[in-house]
């Protein structure tokens, strides 16, 4: 499992669109599996789940993103899973880390 969590600055919907575009354009096998959007008062939340095939691991890897805005603060949590074929230990996490790398440019662009 690989994870990124940090605070961002910018427009919530622009950041969300750029994240989605970076993931889908970053791999020919990437797909958006599902999404959830909701707000409570002024608080916005978007959850996205993506999958792609990992050539390194020979399996599918998932990336879950939660983007949360409360007032002017935006927080992202991005977590990958599924990159290992072992039964008891995670032996190969290269596919997970590579999938997470697909959004690094967007995160750096908007990171505080």
PDB file of N, CA and C in Angstrom:
ATOM      1  N   UNK A   1       0.847  -1.164   0.000  1.00  0.00           N
ATOM      2  CA  UNK A   1       0.000   0.000   0.000  1.00  0.00           C
ATOM      3  C   UNK A   1       0.894   1.228   0.000  1.00  0.00           C
ATOM      4  N   UNK A   2       0.518   2.206  -0.790  1.00  0.00           N
ATOM      5  CA  UNK A   2       1.202   3.496  -0.830  1.00  0.00           C
ATOM      6  C   UNK A   2       0.159   4.567  -0.549  1.00  0.00           C
ATOM      7  N   UNK A   3       0.600   5.668   0.064  1.00  0.00           N
ATOM      8  CA  UNK A   3      -0.378   6.679   0.478  1.00  0.00           C
ATOM      9  C   UNK A   3       0.233   8.073   0.387  1.00  0.00           C
ATOM     10  N   UNK A   4      -0.605   9.041   0.018  1.00  0.00           N
ATOM     11  CA  UNK A   4      -0.271  10.463   0.064  1.00  0.00           C
ATOM     12  C   UNK A   4      -1.395  11.156   0.810  1.00  0.00           C
ATOM     13  N   UNK A   5      -1.040  12.005   1.748  1.00  0.00           N
ATOM     14  CA  UNK A   5      -2.014  12.861   2.437  1.00  0.00           C
ATOM     15  C   UNK A   5      -1.381  14.227   2.601  1.00  0.00           C
ATOM     16  N   UNK A   6      -2.101  15.260   2.207  1.00  0.00           N
ATOM     17  CA  UNK A   6      -1.581  16.617   2.387  1.00  0.00           C
ATOM     18  C   UNK A   6      -2.694  17.635   2.160  1.00  0.00           C
ATOM     19  N   UNK A   7      -2.370  18.854   2.497  1.00  0.00           N
ATOM     20  CA  UNK A   7      -3.295  19.963   2.284  1.00  0.00           C
ATOM     21  C   UNK A   7      -2.954  20.635   0.962  1.00  0.00           C
ATOM     22  N   UNK A   8      -3.974  21.031   0.231  1.00  0.00           N
ATOM     23  CA  UNK A   8      -3.808  21.675  -1.063  1.00  0.00           C
ATOM     24  C   UNK A   8      -4.436  23.059  -1.053  1.00  0.00           C
ATOM     25  N   UNK A   9      -4.065  23.868  -2.032  1.00  0.00           N
ATOM     26  CA  UNK A   9      -4.717  25.168  -2.206  1.00  0.00           C
ATOM     27  C   UNK A   9      -5.146  25.285  -3.658  1.00  0.00           C
ATOM     28  N   UNK A  10      -6.270  25.936  -3.886  1.00  0.00           N
ATOM     29  CA  UNK A  10      -6.774  26.106  -5.238  1.00  0.00           C
ATOM     30  C   UNK A  10      -8.270  25.871  -5.289  1.00  0.00           C
ATOM     31  N   UNK A  11      -8.777  25.674  -6.493  1.00  0.00           N
ATOM     32  CA  UNK A  11     -10.199  25.429  -6.702  1.00  0.00           C
ATOM     33  C   UNK A  11     -10.482  23.928  -6.607  1.00  0.00           C
ATOM     34  N   UNK A  12     -11.393  23.552  -5.740  1.00  0.00           N
ATOM     35  CA  UNK A  12     -11.733  22.152  -5.477  1.00  0.00           C
ATOM     36  C   UNK A  12     -12.033  21.388  -6.765  1.00  0.00           C
ATOM     37  N   UNK A  13     -12.899  21.944  -7.599  1.00  0.00           N
ATOM     38  CA  UNK A  13     -13.350  21.231  -8.795  1.00  0.00           C
ATOM     39  C   UNK A  13     -12.251  21.147  -9.866  1.00  0.00           C
ATOM     40  N   UNK A  14     -11.401  22.163  -9.939  1.00  0.00           N
ATOM     41  CA  UNK A  14     -10.270  22.135 -10.872  1.00  0.00           C
ATOM     42  C   UNK A  14      -9.278  21.055 -10.461  1.00  0.00           C
ATOM     43  N   UNK A  15      -8.963  21.000  -9.168  1.00  0.00           N
ATOM     44  CA  UNK A  15      -8.046  19.981  -8.660  1.00  0.00           C
ATOM     45  C   UNK A  15      -8.609  18.587  -8.923  1.00  0.00           C
ATOM     46  N   UNK A  16      -9.874  18.385  -8.636  1.00  0.00           N
ATOM     47  CA  UNK A  16     -10.512  17.083  -8.847  1.00  0.00           C
ATOM     48  C   UNK A  16     -10.431  16.667 -10.312  1.00  0.00           C
ATOM     49  N   UNK A  17     -10.740  17.567 -11.214  1.00  0.00           N
ATOM     50  CA  UNK A  17     -10.690  17.266 -12.656  1.00  0.00           C
ATOM     51  C   UNK A  17      -9.270  16.923 -13.096  1.00  0.00           C
ATOM     52  N   UNK A  18      -8.291  17.691 -12.615  1.00  0.00           N
ATOM     53  CA  UNK A  18      -6.900  17.426 -12.996  1.00  0.00           C
ATOM     54  C   UNK A  18      -6.412  16.085 -12.451  1.00  0.00           C
ATOM     55  N   UNK A  19      -6.834  15.725 -11.249  1.00  0.00           N
ATOM     56  CA  UNK A  19      -6.485  14.413 -10.692  1.00  0.00           C
ATOM     57  C   UNK A  19      -7.054  13.295 -11.557  1.00  0.00           C
ATOM     58  N   UNK A  20      -8.338  13.396 -11.886  1.00  0.00           N
ATOM     59  CA  UNK A  20      -8.978  12.378 -12.720  1.00  0.00           C
ATOM     60  C   UNK A  20      -8.290  12.266 -14.080  1.00  0.00           C
ATOM     61  N   UNK A  21      -8.015  13.406 -14.708  1.00  0.00           N
ATOM     62  CA  UNK A  21      -7.382  13.408 -16.022  1.00  0.00           C
ATOM     63  C   UNK A  21      -5.984  12.785 -15.968  1.00  0.00           C
ATOM     64  N   UNK A  22      -5.222  13.101 -14.918  1.00  0.00           N
ATOM     65  CA  UNK A  22      -3.867  12.569 -14.779  1.00  0.00           C
ATOM     66  C   UNK A  22      -3.888  11.048 -14.644  1.00  0.00           C
ATOM     67  N   UNK A  23      -4.846  10.539 -13.914  1.00  0.00           N
ATOM     68  CA  UNK A  23      -4.938   9.089 -13.712  1.00  0.00           C
ATOM     69  C   UNK A  23      -5.346   8.380 -15.000  1.00  0.00           C
ATOM     70  N   UNK A  24      -6.394   8.862 -15.629  1.00  0.00           N
ATOM     71  CA  UNK A  24      -6.904   8.211 -16.843  1.00  0.00           C
ATOM     72  C   UNK A  24      -5.907   8.313 -17.991  1.00  0.00           C
ATOM     73  N   UNK A  25      -5.241   9.455 -18.129  1.00  0.00           N
ATOM     74  CA  UNK A  25      -4.283   9.608 -19.231  1.00  0.00           C
ATOM     75  C   UNK A  25      -2.933   8.958 -18.917  1.00  0.00           C
ATOM     76  N   UNK A  26      -2.713   8.590 -17.666  1.00  0.00           N
ATOM     77  CA  UNK A  26      -1.435   8.015 -17.266  1.00  0.00           C
ATOM     78  C   UNK A  26      -1.279   6.549 -17.568  1.00  0.00           C
ATOM     79  N   UNK A  27      -2.352   5.870 -17.927  1.00  0.00           N
ATOM     80  CA  UNK A  27      -2.279   4.437 -18.219  1.00  0.00           C
ATOM     81  C   UNK A  27      -3.420   4.050 -19.146  1.00  0.00           C
ATOM     82  N   UNK A  28      -3.102   3.267 -20.170  1.00  0.00           N
ATOM     83  CA  UNK A  28      -4.164   2.868 -21.099  1.00  0.00           C
ATOM     84  C   UNK A  28      -5.161   1.901 -20.474  1.00  0.00           C
ATOM     85  N   UNK A  29      -4.789   1.289 -19.336  1.00  0.00           N
ATOM     86  CA  UNK A  29      -5.713   0.364 -18.685  1.00  0.00           C
ATOM     87  C   UNK A  29      -6.446   0.996 -17.494  1.00  0.00           C
ATOM     88  N   UNK A  30      -6.176   2.270 -17.214  1.00  0.00           N
ATOM     89  CA  UNK A  30      -6.810   2.926 -16.064  1.00  0.00           C
ATOM     90  C   UNK A  30      -8.289   3.201 -16.338  1.00  0.00           C
ATOM     91  N   UNK A  31      -9.098   2.984 -15.303  1.00  0.00           N
ATOM     92  CA  UNK A  31     -10.530   3.260 -15.409  1.00  0.00           C
ATOM     93  C   UNK A  31     -11.055   3.765 -14.069  1.00  0.00           C
ATOM     94  N   UNK A  32     -12.067   4.619 -14.166  1.00  0.00           N
ATOM     95  CA  UNK A  32     -12.741   5.071 -12.941  1.00  0.00           C
ATOM     96  C   UNK A  32     -13.811   4.045 -12.631  1.00  0.00           C
ATOM     97  N   UNK A  33     -13.704   3.392 -11.478  1.00  0.00           N
ATOM     98  CA  UNK A  33     -14.636   2.338 -11.098  1.00  0.00           C
ATOM     99  C   UNK A  33     -15.917   2.890 -10.484  1.00  0.00           C
ATOM    100  N   UNK A  34     -15.767   3.929  -9.676  1.00  0.00           N
ATOM    101  CA  UNK A  34     -16.962   4.531  -9.068  1.00  0.00           C
ATOM    102  C   UNK A  34     -16.595   5.872  -8.456  1.00  0.00           C
ATOM    103  N   UNK A  35     -17.617   6.619  -8.093  1.00  0.00           N
ATOM    104  CA  UNK A  35     -17.411   7.922  -7.474  1.00  0.00           C
ATOM    105  C   UNK A  35     -18.554   8.240  -6.531  1.00  0.00           C
ATOM    106  N   UNK A  36     -18.260   9.117  -5.582  1.00  0.00           N
ATOM    107  CA  UNK A  36     -19.266   9.602  -4.653  1.00  0.00           C
ATOM    108  C   UNK A  36     -18.978  11.077  -4.395  1.00  0.00           C
ATOM    109  N   UNK A  37     -20.032  11.888  -4.435  1.00  0.00           N
ATOM    110  CA  UNK A  37     -19.926  13.325  -4.173  1.00  0.00           C
ATOM    111  C   UNK A  37     -20.981  13.698  -3.150  1.00  0.00           C
ATOM    112  N   UNK A  38     -20.578  14.479  -2.173  1.00  0.00           N
ATOM    113  CA  UNK A  38     -21.571  14.985  -1.230  1.00  0.00           C
ATOM    114  C   UNK A  38     -21.066  16.236  -0.553  1.00  0.00           C
ATOM    115  N   UNK A  39     -21.985  16.965   0.004  1.00  0.00           N
ATOM    116  CA  UNK A  39     -21.621  18.146   0.777  1.00  0.00           C
ATOM    117  C   UNK A  39     -22.493  18.211   2.016  1.00  0.00           C
ATOM    118  N   UNK A  40     -21.910  18.750   3.061  1.00  0.00           N
ATOM    119  CA  UNK A  40     -22.625  19.020   4.307  1.00  0.00           C
ATOM    120  C   UNK A  40     -22.358  20.481   4.622  1.00  0.00           C
ATOM    121  N   UNK A  41     -23.362  21.299   4.448  1.00  0.00           N
ATOM    122  CA  UNK A  41     -23.156  22.735   4.591  1.00  0.00           C
ATOM    123  C   UNK A  41     -22.180  23.205   3.530  1.00  0.00           C
ATOM    124  N   UNK A  42     -21.118  23.884   3.963  1.00  0.00           N
ATOM    125  CA  UNK A  42     -20.098  24.377   3.038  1.00  0.00           C
ATOM    126  C   UNK A  42     -18.985  23.372   2.791  1.00  0.00           C
ATOM    127  N   UNK A  43     -19.050  22.224   3.411  1.00  0.00           N
ATOM    128  CA  UNK A  43     -18.012  21.207   3.283  1.00  0.00           C
ATOM    129  C   UNK A  43     -18.294  20.332   2.049  1.00  0.00           C
ATOM    130  N   UNK A  44     -17.304  20.231   1.143  1.00  0.00           N
ATOM    131  CA  UNK A  44     -17.432  19.414  -0.066  1.00  0.00           C
ATOM    132  C   UNK A  44     -16.560  18.174   0.066  1.00  0.00           C
ATOM    133  N   UNK A  45     -17.048  17.051  -0.434  1.00  0.00           N
ATOM    134  CA  UNK A  45     -16.262  15.822  -0.408  1.00  0.00           C
ATOM    135  C   UNK A  45     -16.486  15.052  -1.715  1.00  0.00           C
ATOM    136  N   UNK A  46     -15.375  14.608  -2.310  1.00  0.00           N
ATOM    137  CA  UNK A  46     -15.426  13.777  -3.511  1.00  0.00           C
ATOM    138  C   UNK A  46     -14.563  12.546  -3.253  1.00  0.00           C
ATOM    139  N   UNK A  47     -15.135  11.375  -3.514  1.00  0.00           N
ATOM    140  CA  UNK A  47     -14.408  10.111  -3.378  1.00  0.00           C
ATOM    141  C   UNK A  47     -14.382   9.461  -4.758  1.00  0.00           C
ATOM    142  N   UNK A  48     -13.189   9.020  -5.168  1.00  0.00           N
ATOM    143  CA  UNK A  48     -13.021   8.362  -6.456  1.00  0.00           C
ATOM    144  C   UNK A  48     -12.241   7.068  -6.258  1.00  0.00           C
ATOM    145  N   UNK A  49     -12.628   6.041  -7.008  1.00  0.00           N
ATOM    146  CA  UNK A  49     -11.905   4.770  -6.984  1.00  0.00           C
ATOM    147  C   UNK A  49     -11.536   4.422  -8.425  1.00  0.00           C
ATOM    148  N   UNK A  50     -10.238   4.220  -8.648  1.00  0.00           N
ATOM    149  CA  UNK A  50      -9.704   3.891  -9.963  1.00  0.00           C
ATOM    150  C   UNK A  50      -9.012   2.534  -9.902  1.00  0.00           C
ATOM    151  N   UNK A  51      -8.913   1.900 -11.063  1.00  0.00           N
ATOM    152  CA  UNK A  51      -8.144   0.659 -11.188  1.00  0.00           C
ATOM    153  C   UNK A  51      -7.308   0.729 -12.447  1.00  0.00           C
ATOM    154  N   UNK A  52      -6.214  -0.026 -12.444  1.00  0.00           N
ATOM    155  CA  UNK A  52      -5.426  -0.195 -13.657  1.00  0.00           C
ATOM    156  C   UNK A  52      -4.663  -1.508 -13.551  1.00  0.00           C
ATOM    157  N   UNK A  53      -4.219  -1.981 -14.684  1.00  0.00           N
ATOM    158  CA  UNK A  53      -3.408  -3.192 -14.713  1.00  0.00           C
ATOM    159  C   UNK A  53      -1.956  -2.828 -14.428  1.00  0.00           C
ATOM    160  N   UNK A  54      -1.311  -3.586 -13.571  1.00  0.00           N
ATOM    161  CA  UNK A  54       0.099  -3.380 -13.244  1.00  0.00           C
ATOM    162  C   UNK A  54       0.923  -4.450 -13.942  1.00  0.00           C
ATOM    163  N   UNK A  55       1.721  -4.026 -14.913  1.00  0.00           N
ATOM    164  CA  UNK A  55       2.591  -4.978 -15.611  1.00  0.00           C
ATOM    165  C   UNK A  55       3.640  -5.541 -14.649  1.00  0.00           C
ATOM    166  N   UNK A  56       4.105  -4.717 -13.706  1.00  0.00           N
ATOM    167  CA  UNK A  56       5.136  -5.160 -12.757  1.00  0.00           C
ATOM    168  C   UNK A  56       4.632  -6.301 -11.872  1.00  0.00           C
ATOM    169  N   UNK A  57       3.385  -6.208 -11.431  1.00  0.00           N
ATOM    170  CA  UNK A  57       2.833  -7.233 -10.548  1.00  0.00           C
ATOM    171  C   UNK A  57       1.980  -8.260 -11.253  1.00  0.00           C
ATOM    172  N   UNK A  58       1.605  -7.984 -12.503  1.00  0.00           N
ATOM    173  CA  UNK A  58       0.754  -8.906 -13.236  1.00  0.00           C
ATOM    174  C   UNK A  58      -0.651  -8.990 -12.664  1.00  0.00           C
ATOM    175  N   UNK A  59      -1.131  -7.882 -12.103  1.00  0.00           N
ATOM    176  CA  UNK A  59      -2.473  -7.870 -11.509  1.00  0.00           C
ATOM    177  C   UNK A  59      -3.063  -6.470 -11.601  1.00  0.00           C
ATOM    178  N   UNK A  60      -4.265  -6.301 -11.069  1.00  0.00           N
ATOM    179  CA  UNK A  60      -4.905  -4.985 -11.059  1.00  0.00           C
ATOM    180  C   UNK A  60      -4.614  -4.308  -9.727  1.00  0.00           C
ATOM    181  N   UNK A  61      -4.461  -2.994  -9.805  1.00  0.00           N
ATOM    182  CA  UNK A  61      -4.154  -2.162  -8.646  1.00  0.00           C
ATOM    183  C   UNK A  61      -5.246  -1.103  -8.537  1.00  0.00           C
ATOM    184  N   UNK A  62      -5.654  -0.784  -7.320  1.00  0.00           N
ATOM    185  CA  UNK A  62      -6.671   0.252  -7.137  1.00  0.00           C
ATOM    186  C   UNK A  62      -6.058   1.498  -6.507  1.00  0.00           C
ATOM    187  N   UNK A  63      -6.668   2.637  -6.798  1.00  0.00           N
ATOM    188  CA  UNK A  63      -6.296   3.921  -6.209  1.00  0.00           C
ATOM    189  C   UNK A  63      -7.581   4.598  -5.763  1.00  0.00           C
ATOM    190  N   UNK A  64      -7.668   4.862  -4.462  1.00  0.00           N
ATOM    191  CA  UNK A  64      -8.830   5.566  -3.901  1.00  0.00           C
ATOM    192  C   UNK A  64      -8.398   6.970  -3.515  1.00  0.00           C
ATOM    193  N   UNK A  65      -9.183   7.953  -3.941  1.00  0.00           N
ATOM    194  CA  UNK A  65      -8.884   9.355  -3.632  1.00  0.00           C
ATOM    195  C   UNK A  65     -10.071   9.966  -2.917  1.00  0.00           C
ATOM    196  N   UNK A  66      -9.777  10.631  -1.810  1.00  0.00           N
ATOM    197  CA  UNK A  66     -10.774  11.437  -1.118  1.00  0.00           C
ATOM    198  C   UNK A  66     -10.277  12.873  -1.126  1.00  0.00           C
ATOM    199  N   UNK A  67     -11.086  13.772  -1.663  1.00  0.00           N
ATOM    200  CA  UNK A  67     -10.772  15.193  -1.693  1.00  0.00           C
ATOM    201  C   UNK A  67     -11.832  15.897  -0.853  1.00  0.00           C
ATOM    202  N   UNK A  68     -11.389  16.645   0.143  1.00  0.00           N
ATOM    203  CA  UNK A  68     -12.298  17.283   1.092  1.00  0.00           C
ATOM    204  C   UNK A  68     -11.988  18.767   1.183  1.00  0.00           C
ATOM    205  N   UNK A  69     -13.024  19.599   1.080  1.00  0.00           N
ATOM    206  CA  UNK A  69     -12.854  21.037   1.259  1.00  0.00           C
ATOM    207  C   UNK A  69     -13.759  21.514   2.375  1.00  0.00           C
ATOM    208  N   UNK A  70     -13.172  22.228   3.313  1.00  0.00           N
ATOM    209  CA  UNK A  70     -13.912  22.880   4.393  1.00  0.00           C
ATOM    210  C   UNK A  70     -13.426  24.319   4.446  1.00  0.00           C
ATOM    211  N   UNK A  71     -14.340  25.246   4.181  1.00  0.00           N
ATOM    212  CA  UNK A  71     -13.997  26.657   4.029  1.00  0.00           C
ATOM    213  C   UNK A  71     -12.934  26.776   2.948  1.00  0.00           C
ATOM    214  N   UNK A  72     -11.769  27.343   3.225  1.00  0.00           N
ATOM    215  CA  UNK A  72     -10.760  27.511   2.181  1.00  0.00           C
ATOM    216  C   UNK A  72      -9.712  26.396   2.193  1.00  0.00           C
ATOM    217  N   UNK A  73      -9.835  25.436   3.105  1.00  0.00           N
ATOM    218  CA  UNK A  73      -8.854  24.350   3.204  1.00  0.00           C
ATOM    219  C   UNK A  73      -9.293  23.141   2.384  1.00  0.00           C
ATOM    220  N   UNK A  74      -8.341  22.586   1.629  1.00  0.00           N
ATOM    221  CA  UNK A  74      -8.591  21.383   0.841  1.00  0.00           C
ATOM    222  C   UNK A  74      -7.589  20.325   1.290  1.00  0.00           C
ATOM    223  N   UNK A  75      -8.085  19.127   1.535  1.00  0.00           N
ATOM    224  CA  UNK A  75      -7.234  18.026   1.975  1.00  0.00           C
ATOM    225  C   UNK A  75      -7.437  16.848   1.039  1.00  0.00           C
ATOM    226  N   UNK A  76      -6.328  16.181   0.689  1.00  0.00           N
ATOM    227  CA  UNK A  76      -6.404  14.991  -0.152  1.00  0.00           C
ATOM    228  C   UNK A  76      -5.820  13.794   0.589  1.00  0.00           C
ATOM    229  N   UNK A  77      -6.472  12.662   0.426  1.00  0.00           N
ATOM    230  CA  UNK A  77      -5.956  11.379   0.877  1.00  0.00           C
ATOM    231  C   UNK A  77      -6.061  10.444  -0.317  1.00  0.00           C
ATOM    232  N   UNK A  78      -4.911   9.927  -0.775  1.00  0.00           N
ATOM    233  CA  UNK A  78      -4.862   9.008  -1.907  1.00  0.00           C
ATOM    234  C   UNK A  78      -4.162   7.732  -1.454  1.00  0.00           C
ATOM    235  N   UNK A  79      -4.834   6.594  -1.610  1.00  0.00           N
ATOM    236  CA  UNK A  79      -4.318   5.315  -1.116  1.00  0.00           C
ATOM    237  C   UNK A  79      -4.451   4.257  -2.210  1.00  0.00           C
ATOM    238  N   UNK A  80      -3.367   3.520  -2.432  1.00  0.00           N
ATOM    239  CA  UNK A  80      -3.392   2.427  -3.397  1.00  0.00           C
ATOM    240  C   UNK A  80      -3.456   1.087  -2.678  1.00  0.00           C
ATOM    241  N   UNK A  81      -3.911   0.065  -3.387  1.00  0.00           N
ATOM    242  CA  UNK A  81      -3.971  -1.286  -2.826  1.00  0.00           C
ATOM    243  C   UNK A  81      -4.001  -2.293  -3.963  1.00  0.00           C
ATOM    244  N   UNK A  82      -3.599  -3.534  -3.635  1.00  0.00           N
ATOM    245  CA  UNK A  82      -3.749  -4.640  -4.564  1.00  0.00           C
ATOM    246  C   UNK A  82      -2.546  -4.967  -5.402  1.00  0.00           C
ATOM    247  N   UNK A  83      -1.387  -4.440  -5.086  1.00  0.00           N
ATOM    248  CA  UNK A  83      -0.228  -4.629  -5.944  1.00  0.00           C
ATOM    249  C   UNK A  83       0.627  -5.840  -5.642  1.00  0.00           C
ATOM    250  N   UNK A  84       0.188  -6.735  -4.787  1.00  0.00           N
ATOM    251  CA  UNK A  84       1.023  -7.880  -4.438  1.00  0.00           C
ATOM    252  C   UNK A  84       0.291  -9.184  -4.738  1.00  0.00           C
ATOM    253  N   UNK A  85       1.048 -10.196  -5.118  1.00  0.00           N
ATOM    254  CA  UNK A  85       0.457 -11.506  -5.385  1.00  0.00           C
ATOM    255  C   UNK A  85       0.720 -12.491  -4.256  1.00  0.00           C
ATOM    256  N   UNK A  86       1.450 -12.081  -3.243  1.00  0.00           N
ATOM    257  CA  UNK A  86       1.784 -12.980  -2.139  1.00  0.00           C
ATOM    258  C   UNK A  86       0.570 -13.220  -1.250  1.00  0.00           C
ATOM    259  N   UNK A  87       0.582 -14.345  -0.541  1.00  0.00           N
ATOM    260  CA  UNK A  87      -0.530 -14.697   0.328  1.00  0.00           C
ATOM    261  C   UNK A  87      -0.430 -13.993   1.680  1.00  0.00           C
ATOM    262  N   UNK A  88       0.737 -13.969   2.280  1.00  0.00           N
ATOM    263  CA  UNK A  88       0.880 -13.441   3.634  1.00  0.00           C
ATOM    264  C   UNK A  88       1.666 -12.132   3.718  1.00  0.00           C
ATOM    265  N   UNK A  89       2.516 -11.819   2.742  1.00  0.00           N
ATOM    266  CA  UNK A  89       3.335 -10.604   2.782  1.00  0.00           C
ATOM    267  C   UNK A  89       3.153  -9.835   1.494  1.00  0.00           C
ATOM    268  N   UNK A  90       3.379  -8.554   1.581  1.00  0.00           N
ATOM    269  CA  UNK A  90       3.355  -7.726   0.381  1.00  0.00           C
ATOM    270  C   UNK A  90       4.765  -7.714  -0.194  1.00  0.00           C
ATOM    271  N   UNK A  91       4.972  -8.479  -1.231  1.00  0.00           N
ATOM    272  CA  UNK A  91       6.301  -8.615  -1.817  1.00  0.00           C
ATOM    273  C   UNK A  91       6.590  -7.603  -2.904  1.00  0.00           C
ATOM    274  N   UNK A  92       5.590  -7.180  -3.628  1.00  0.00           N
ATOM    275  CA  UNK A  92       5.817  -6.306  -4.771  1.00  0.00           C
ATOM    276  C   UNK A  92       4.820  -5.157  -4.724  1.00  0.00           C
ATOM    277  N   UNK A  93       5.298  -3.994  -4.342  1.00  0.00           N
ATOM    278  CA  UNK A  93       4.409  -2.822  -4.272  1.00  0.00           C
ATOM    279  C   UNK A  93       4.761  -1.798  -5.347  1.00  0.00           C
ATOM    280  N   UNK A  94       5.572  -2.202  -6.323  1.00  0.00           N
ATOM    281  CA  UNK A  94       5.978  -1.272  -7.381  1.00  0.00           C
ATOM    282  C   UNK A  94       4.767  -0.744  -8.150  1.00  0.00           C
ATOM    283  N   UNK A  95       3.813  -1.619  -8.459  1.00  0.00           N
ATOM    284  CA  UNK A  95       2.622  -1.199  -9.198  1.00  0.00           C
ATOM    285  C   UNK A  95       1.810  -0.174  -8.438  1.00  0.00           C
ATOM    286  N   UNK A  96       1.714  -0.336  -7.128  1.00  0.00           N
ATOM    287  CA  UNK A  96       0.975   0.624  -6.304  1.00  0.00           C
ATOM    288  C   UNK A  96       1.671   1.977  -6.296  1.00  0.00           C
ATOM    289  N   UNK A  97       2.979   1.963  -6.088  1.00  0.00           N
ATOM    290  CA  UNK A  97       3.731   3.216  -6.033  1.00  0.00           C
ATOM    291  C   UNK A  97       3.696   3.942  -7.377  1.00  0.00           C
ATOM    292  N   UNK A  98       3.780   3.186  -8.464  1.00  0.00           N
ATOM    293  CA  UNK A  98       3.720   3.785  -9.795  1.00  0.00           C
ATOM    294  C   UNK A  98       2.351   4.412 -10.056  1.00  0.00           C
ATOM    295  N   UNK A  99       1.295   3.747  -9.619  1.00  0.00           N
ATOM    296  CA  UNK A  99      -0.057   4.293  -9.790  1.00  0.00           C
ATOM    297  C   UNK A  99      -0.195   5.602  -9.019  1.00  0.00           C
ATOM    298  N   UNK A 100       0.320   5.646  -7.818  1.00  0.00           N
ATOM    299  CA  UNK A 100       0.265   6.857  -7.007  1.00  0.00           C
ATOM    300  C   UNK A 100       1.097   7.975  -7.643  1.00  0.00           C
ATOM    301  N   UNK A 101       2.186   7.617  -8.293  1.00  0.00           N
ATOM    302  CA  UNK A 101       3.033   8.613  -8.960  1.00  0.00           C
ATOM    303  C   UNK A 101       2.284   9.371 -10.050  1.00  0.00           C
ATOM    304  N   UNK A 102       1.230   8.778 -10.598  1.00  0.00           N
ATOM    305  CA  UNK A 102       0.492   9.423 -11.686  1.00  0.00           C
ATOM    306  C   UNK A 102      -0.168  10.727 -11.271  1.00  0.00           C
ATOM    307  N   UNK A 103      -0.357  10.934  -9.964  1.00  0.00           N
ATOM    308  CA  UNK A 103      -0.993  12.182  -9.502  1.00  0.00           C
ATOM    309  C   UNK A 103      -0.005  13.126  -8.816  1.00  0.00           C
ATOM    310  N   UNK A 104       1.258  12.750  -8.740  1.00  0.00           N
ATOM    311  CA  UNK A 104       2.249  13.577  -8.045  1.00  0.00           C
ATOM    312  C   UNK A 104       2.355  14.981  -8.641  1.00  0.00           C
ATOM    313  N   UNK A 105       2.310  15.094  -9.960  1.00  0.00           N
ATOM    314  CA  UNK A 105       2.408  16.409 -10.599  1.00  0.00           C
ATOM    315  C   UNK A 105       1.275  17.338 -10.202  1.00  0.00           C
ATOM    316  N   UNK A 106       0.065  16.800 -10.148  1.00  0.00           N
ATOM    317  CA  UNK A 106      -1.089  17.611  -9.735  1.00  0.00           C
ATOM    318  C   UNK A 106      -0.962  18.014  -8.284  1.00  0.00           C
ATOM    319  N   UNK A 107      -0.563  17.089  -7.456  1.00  0.00           N
ATOM    320  CA  UNK A 107      -0.435  17.377  -6.025  1.00  0.00           C
ATOM    321  C   UNK A 107       0.634  18.436  -5.785  1.00  0.00           C
ATOM    322  N   UNK A 108       1.775  18.319  -6.449  1.00  0.00           N
ATOM    323  CA  UNK A 108       2.846  19.319  -6.291  1.00  0.00           C
ATOM    324  C   UNK A 108       2.389  20.697  -6.765  1.00  0.00           C
ATOM    325  N   UNK A 109       1.598  20.728  -7.813  1.00  0.00           N
ATOM    326  CA  UNK A 109       1.103  21.985  -8.360  1.00  0.00           C
ATOM    327  C   UNK A 109       0.230  22.745  -7.355  1.00  0.00           C
ATOM    328  N   UNK A 110      -0.548  22.008  -6.548  1.00  0.00           N
ATOM    329  CA  UNK A 110      -1.495  22.648  -5.638  1.00  0.00           C
ATOM    330  C   UNK A 110      -1.135  22.512  -4.159  1.00  0.00           C
ATOM    331  N   UNK A 111       0.012  21.898  -3.852  1.00  0.00           N
ATOM    332  CA  UNK A 111       0.378  21.683  -2.456  1.00  0.00           C
ATOM    333  C   UNK A 111       0.752  22.989  -1.775  1.00  0.00           C
ATOM    334  N   UNK A 112       0.374  23.111  -0.516  1.00  0.00           N
ATOM    335  CA  UNK A 112       0.716  24.300   0.281  1.00  0.00           C
ATOM    336  C   UNK A 112       2.202  24.372   0.529  1.00  0.00           C
TER     337      UNK A 112
END
